[in-house]
Amino acid sequence: MAHLLLIEDDSAIRTHLLRALRERGHAVAASHTAMDGLQTALAERPDLVVLDLGLPDLDGRELLRMLRAVSAVPVIVATARDDETEIVQVLDAGADDYVVKPFTAAQLDARIRAVLRRGAGDRPEQAALTVGGLSIDAGARTASLDGAPLDLTPREFDLLHHLASRAGQVVTKRELLAEVWQVPYGGADKTVDVHLSWLRRKLGETAQAPRYLHTVRGVGVRLSEPA
């Protein structure tokens, strides 16, 4: 059972999701405004937040940034906004996943379980990895670059670890979606692109001037030791 926080201003949607998620075994608290949701998240420390963007007092993206400033709680954004630019901005702001309305409770529950599985680190423990100045400890879920710790979200860590475990090999976006996002069908390549861009910034590089992460056009991405 997971402790969830649902931040949703539409009373009909909120009531439906509260009932459906509780029927699936989750403990669910709910807020209908951004500021109440922030206070509840800090007070109750949920395992995961489901966040609507169209809130009455504050845009959900701003609330997401506020949450990210004080907490690493996983966040799934549930939005009616299906514009690609909007989705990229949401992922860039720190969302772990997103679903576009309308969606079923079963689909949302599957996303919740996938995000929580990743955060729980339920994959078999692997030995520490070293690629050049990059060091990754799978057991402790920590990473450092040239001796300096990297501040990674759970998704960024999983992405970096998966690529480092295949250092020197080209990994396709399809494989990344299947292994890191656990959505082998219907996943969006743009999700991978956004997180790679985010990861590059934290590694101090860009797609145009790569050190560790090299895009192989039309195939995927390769993590390798700098020349």
Protein backbone atom coordinates (compact mmCIF):
# COMPACT_ATOMS: atom_id res chain seq x y z
CA MET A 1 0.00 0.00 0.00
CA ALA A 2 1.29 3.46 -0.93
CA HIS A 3 0.48 6.75 0.76
CA LEU A 4 -0.60 9.10 -2.04
CA LEU A 5 -1.47 12.79 -2.20
CA LEU A 6 -3.91 13.84 -4.93
CA ILE A 7 -3.89 17.57 -5.75
CA GLU A 8 -6.89 18.11 -8.03
CA ASP A 9 -9.40 20.99 -8.06
CA ASP A 10 -12.17 19.27 -10.05
CA SER A 11 -14.42 17.73 -7.39
CA ALA A 12 -15.85 15.04 -9.69
CA ILE A 13 -12.41 13.86 -10.83
CA ARG A 14 -11.06 14.08 -7.29
CA THR A 15 -13.90 12.01 -5.84
CA HIS A 16 -13.62 9.39 -8.58
CA LEU A 17 -9.85 9.00 -8.22
CA LEU A 18 -10.00 8.94 -4.42
CA ARG A 19 -12.45 6.06 -4.52
CA ALA A 20 -10.70 4.18 -7.32
CA LEU A 21 -7.20 4.45 -5.84
CA ARG A 22 -8.40 3.47 -2.38
CA GLU A 23 -10.13 0.45 -3.89
CA ARG A 24 -6.75 -0.51 -5.33
CA GLY A 25 -5.21 -0.52 -1.85
CA HIS A 26 -3.67 2.94 -1.59
CA ALA A 27 -4.07 5.39 1.26
CA VAL A 28 -4.99 8.67 -0.39
CA ALA A 29 -5.16 12.23 0.92
CA ALA A 30 -6.53 15.00 -1.29
CA SER A 31 -6.16 18.75 -1.71
CA HIS A 32 -8.03 21.05 -4.08
CA THR A 33 -5.59 23.98 -4.10
CA ALA A 34 -1.85 24.31 -4.64
CA MET A 35 -0.99 25.83 -1.26
CA ASP A 36 -3.06 23.32 0.67
CA GLY A 37 -1.39 20.58 -1.35
CA LEU A 38 2.07 21.91 -0.53
CA GLN A 39 1.27 22.06 3.18
CA THR A 40 -0.17 18.53 3.10
CA ALA A 41 2.86 17.20 1.22
CA LEU A 42 5.24 18.67 3.81
CA ALA A 43 3.15 17.54 6.78
CA GLU A 44 2.23 14.01 5.66
CA ARG A 45 5.28 13.14 3.52
CA PRO A 46 3.41 10.97 0.98
CA ASP A 47 5.11 8.30 -1.09
CA LEU A 48 3.93 9.98 -4.30
CA VAL A 49 2.00 13.07 -5.44
CA VAL A 50 -0.50 13.12 -8.29
CA LEU A 51 -0.63 16.75 -9.41
CA ASP A 52 -3.13 18.57 -11.64
CA LEU A 53 -1.78 21.64 -13.42
CA GLY A 54 -4.97 23.73 -13.60
CA LEU A 55 -5.26 24.71 -9.94
CA PRO A 56 -7.27 27.76 -8.83
CA ASP A 57 -4.63 29.55 -6.75
CA LEU A 58 -1.35 28.68 -8.47
CA ASP A 59 -0.28 26.99 -11.70
CA GLY A 60 0.71 23.39 -11.10
CA ARG A 61 4.13 23.92 -12.68
CA GLU A 62 4.96 26.53 -10.06
CA LEU A 63 3.80 24.18 -7.31
CA LEU A 64 6.00 21.47 -8.80
CA ARG A 65 9.01 23.78 -8.60
CA MET A 66 8.17 24.61 -4.99
CA LEU A 67 7.89 20.92 -4.15
CA ARG A 68 11.19 20.16 -5.85
CA ALA A 69 12.90 22.85 -3.77
CA VAL A 70 12.04 21.06 -0.53
CA SER A 71 11.32 17.42 -1.39
CA ALA A 72 12.33 14.56 -3.68
CA VAL A 73 8.85 12.98 -3.50
CA PRO A 74 7.93 11.39 -6.84
CA VAL A 75 5.36 13.45 -8.77
CA ILE A 76 3.06 12.29 -11.56
CA VAL A 77 1.45 15.21 -13.36
CA ALA A 78 -2.12 14.59 -14.49
CA THR A 79 -3.05 17.23 -17.03
CA ALA A 80 -5.49 18.05 -19.79
CA ARG A 81 -2.71 19.99 -21.51
CA ASP A 82 -1.33 17.73 -24.24
CA ASP A 83 0.87 20.31 -25.96
CA GLU A 84 4.40 18.98 -26.42
CA THR A 85 5.97 22.21 -25.19
CA GLU A 86 3.89 22.03 -22.02
CA ILE A 87 4.90 18.41 -21.43
CA VAL A 88 8.58 19.24 -21.88
CA GLN A 89 8.30 22.13 -19.41
CA VAL A 90 6.64 19.88 -16.86
CA LEU A 91 9.34 17.23 -17.17
CA ASP A 92 12.01 19.90 -17.03
CA ALA A 93 10.48 21.25 -13.83
CA GLY A 94 10.97 17.88 -12.14
CA ALA A 95 7.99 15.64 -12.85
CA ASP A 96 8.70 11.90 -12.76
CA ASP A 97 5.91 11.06 -15.19
CA TYR A 98 2.76 12.52 -16.72
CA VAL A 99 -0.62 11.34 -17.92
CA VAL A 100 -2.95 13.30 -20.17
CA LYS A 101 -6.65 13.56 -19.31
CA PRO A 102 -8.87 11.76 -19.84
CA PHE A 103 -7.25 8.65 -18.38
CA THR A 104 -8.55 5.65 -16.47
CA ALA A 105 -7.85 4.93 -12.83
CA ALA A 106 -6.23 1.67 -13.90
CA GLN A 107 -3.77 3.54 -16.13
CA LEU A 108 -2.91 6.00 -13.36
CA ASP A 109 -2.48 3.15 -10.86
CA ALA A 110 -0.07 1.39 -13.24
CA ARG A 111 1.98 4.59 -13.57
CA ILE A 112 2.03 5.01 -9.80
CA ARG A 113 3.26 1.46 -9.24
CA ALA A 114 5.95 1.85 -11.92
CA VAL A 115 7.29 5.09 -10.42
CA LEU A 116 7.29 3.62 -6.91
CA ARG A 117 9.09 0.48 -8.07
CA ARG A 118 11.86 2.61 -9.50
CA GLY A 119 12.12 4.69 -6.35
CA ALA A 120 12.23 1.59 -4.15
CA GLY A 121 15.25 0.31 -6.04
CA ASP A 122 13.80 -3.19 -6.29
CA ARG A 123 16.18 -4.22 -9.04
CA PRO A 124 18.98 -6.62 -8.17
CA GLU A 125 21.86 -4.84 -6.48
CA GLN A 126 24.83 -4.27 -8.74
CA ALA A 127 28.43 -3.39 -8.08
CA ALA A 128 29.61 0.21 -8.17
CA LEU A 129 30.36 1.46 -11.68
CA THR A 130 33.19 3.72 -12.77
CA VAL A 131 33.43 5.36 -16.19
CA GLY A 132 36.21 7.92 -16.39
CA GLY A 133 35.60 10.39 -13.59
CA LEU A 134 32.03 9.19 -13.17
CA SER A 135 31.31 6.89 -10.22
CA ILE A 136 27.91 5.30 -9.54
CA ASP A 137 26.99 3.29 -6.43
CA ALA A 138 23.82 1.34 -7.16
CA GLY A 139 23.35 0.17 -3.57
CA ALA A 140 23.56 3.65 -2.06
CA ARG A 141 21.95 5.23 -5.13
CA THR A 142 24.61 7.92 -5.25
CA ALA A 143 26.76 9.23 -8.09
CA SER A 144 29.72 11.57 -8.33
CA LEU A 145 31.67 13.25 -11.10
CA ASP A 146 35.37 13.92 -10.58
CA GLY A 147 34.84 13.46 -6.84
CA ALA A 148 31.92 15.90 -6.58
CA PRO A 149 28.50 14.42 -5.72
CA LEU A 150 25.78 14.70 -8.36
CA ASP A 151 22.34 15.90 -7.28
CA LEU A 152 20.13 13.53 -9.28
CA THR A 153 16.43 12.80 -9.16
CA PRO A 154 15.50 9.10 -8.85
CA ARG A 155 14.71 8.99 -12.59
CA GLU A 156 17.98 10.66 -13.54
CA PHE A 157 19.91 8.21 -11.37
CA ASP A 158 18.20 5.22 -12.99
CA LEU A 159 18.89 6.63 -16.45
CA LEU A 160 22.55 7.30 -15.70
CA HIS A 161 23.03 3.91 -14.06
CA HIS A 162 21.46 2.06 -16.97
CA LEU A 163 23.67 3.84 -19.48
CA ALA A 164 26.80 3.38 -17.36
CA SER A 165 26.09 -0.33 -17.00
CA ARG A 166 26.32 -0.49 -20.80
CA ALA A 167 29.25 1.89 -21.16
CA GLY A 168 30.59 2.01 -24.71
CA GLN A 169 27.39 0.52 -26.15
CA VAL A 170 24.67 2.37 -28.02
CA VAL A 171 21.39 2.11 -26.08
CA THR A 172 18.17 2.74 -27.98
CA LYS A 173 15.38 4.96 -26.71
CA ARG A 174 13.07 1.97 -26.88
CA GLU A 175 15.33 0.11 -24.44
CA LEU A 176 15.50 3.14 -22.14
CA LEU A 177 11.72 3.44 -22.12
CA ALA A 178 11.38 -0.26 -21.34
CA GLU A 179 14.12 -0.54 -18.71
CA VAL A 180 14.12 2.87 -17.02
CA TRP A 181 10.51 3.99 -17.51
CA GLN A 182 9.11 0.45 -17.67
CA VAL A 183 6.75 1.45 -20.49
CA PRO A 184 7.82 -0.69 -23.46
CA TYR A 185 4.75 0.24 -25.49
CA GLY A 186 3.30 3.67 -26.11
CA GLY A 187 6.15 5.60 -24.53
CA ALA A 188 7.27 8.97 -25.86
CA ASP A 189 10.78 9.48 -27.20
CA LYS A 190 10.53 13.10 -26.09
CA THR A 191 10.46 11.91 -22.47
CA VAL A 192 13.87 10.32 -22.96
CA ASP A 193 15.20 13.39 -24.79
CA VAL A 194 14.16 15.74 -21.99
CA HIS A 195 15.72 13.64 -19.26
CA LEU A 196 18.93 13.21 -21.25
CA SER A 197 19.10 16.97 -21.67
CA TRP A 198 18.57 17.43 -17.95
CA LEU A 199 21.24 14.84 -17.16
CA ARG A 200 23.72 16.46 -19.55
CA ARG A 201 23.38 19.76 -17.72
CA LYS A 202 24.22 18.09 -14.43
CA LEU A 203 27.26 16.45 -16.05
CA GLY A 204 28.38 19.86 -17.29
CA GLU A 205 28.01 19.12 -20.99
CA THR A 206 25.68 19.67 -23.92
CA ALA A 207 24.54 17.62 -26.89
CA GLN A 208 26.70 19.84 -29.10
CA ALA A 209 29.77 19.43 -26.85
CA PRO A 210 29.42 15.98 -25.23
CA ARG A 211 31.90 14.42 -22.80
CA TYR A 212 30.10 11.32 -21.54
CA LEU A 213 26.73 11.20 -23.30
CA HIS A 214 26.97 10.86 -27.07
CA THR A 215 23.90 10.84 -29.32
CA VAL A 216 24.04 8.38 -32.21
CA ARG A 217 21.58 9.86 -34.67
CA GLY A 218 18.71 7.58 -35.52
CA VAL A 219 19.88 4.89 -33.09
CA GLY A 220 20.17 6.05 -29.50
CA VAL A 221 22.74 7.27 -26.98
CA ARG A 222 26.10 5.97 -25.76
CA LEU A 223 27.81 6.72 -22.45
CA SER A 224 31.57 6.45 -22.73
CA GLU A 225 34.71 7.70 -21.04
CA PRO A 226 35.92 11.08 -22.36
CA ALA A 227 38.72 10.83 -24.88
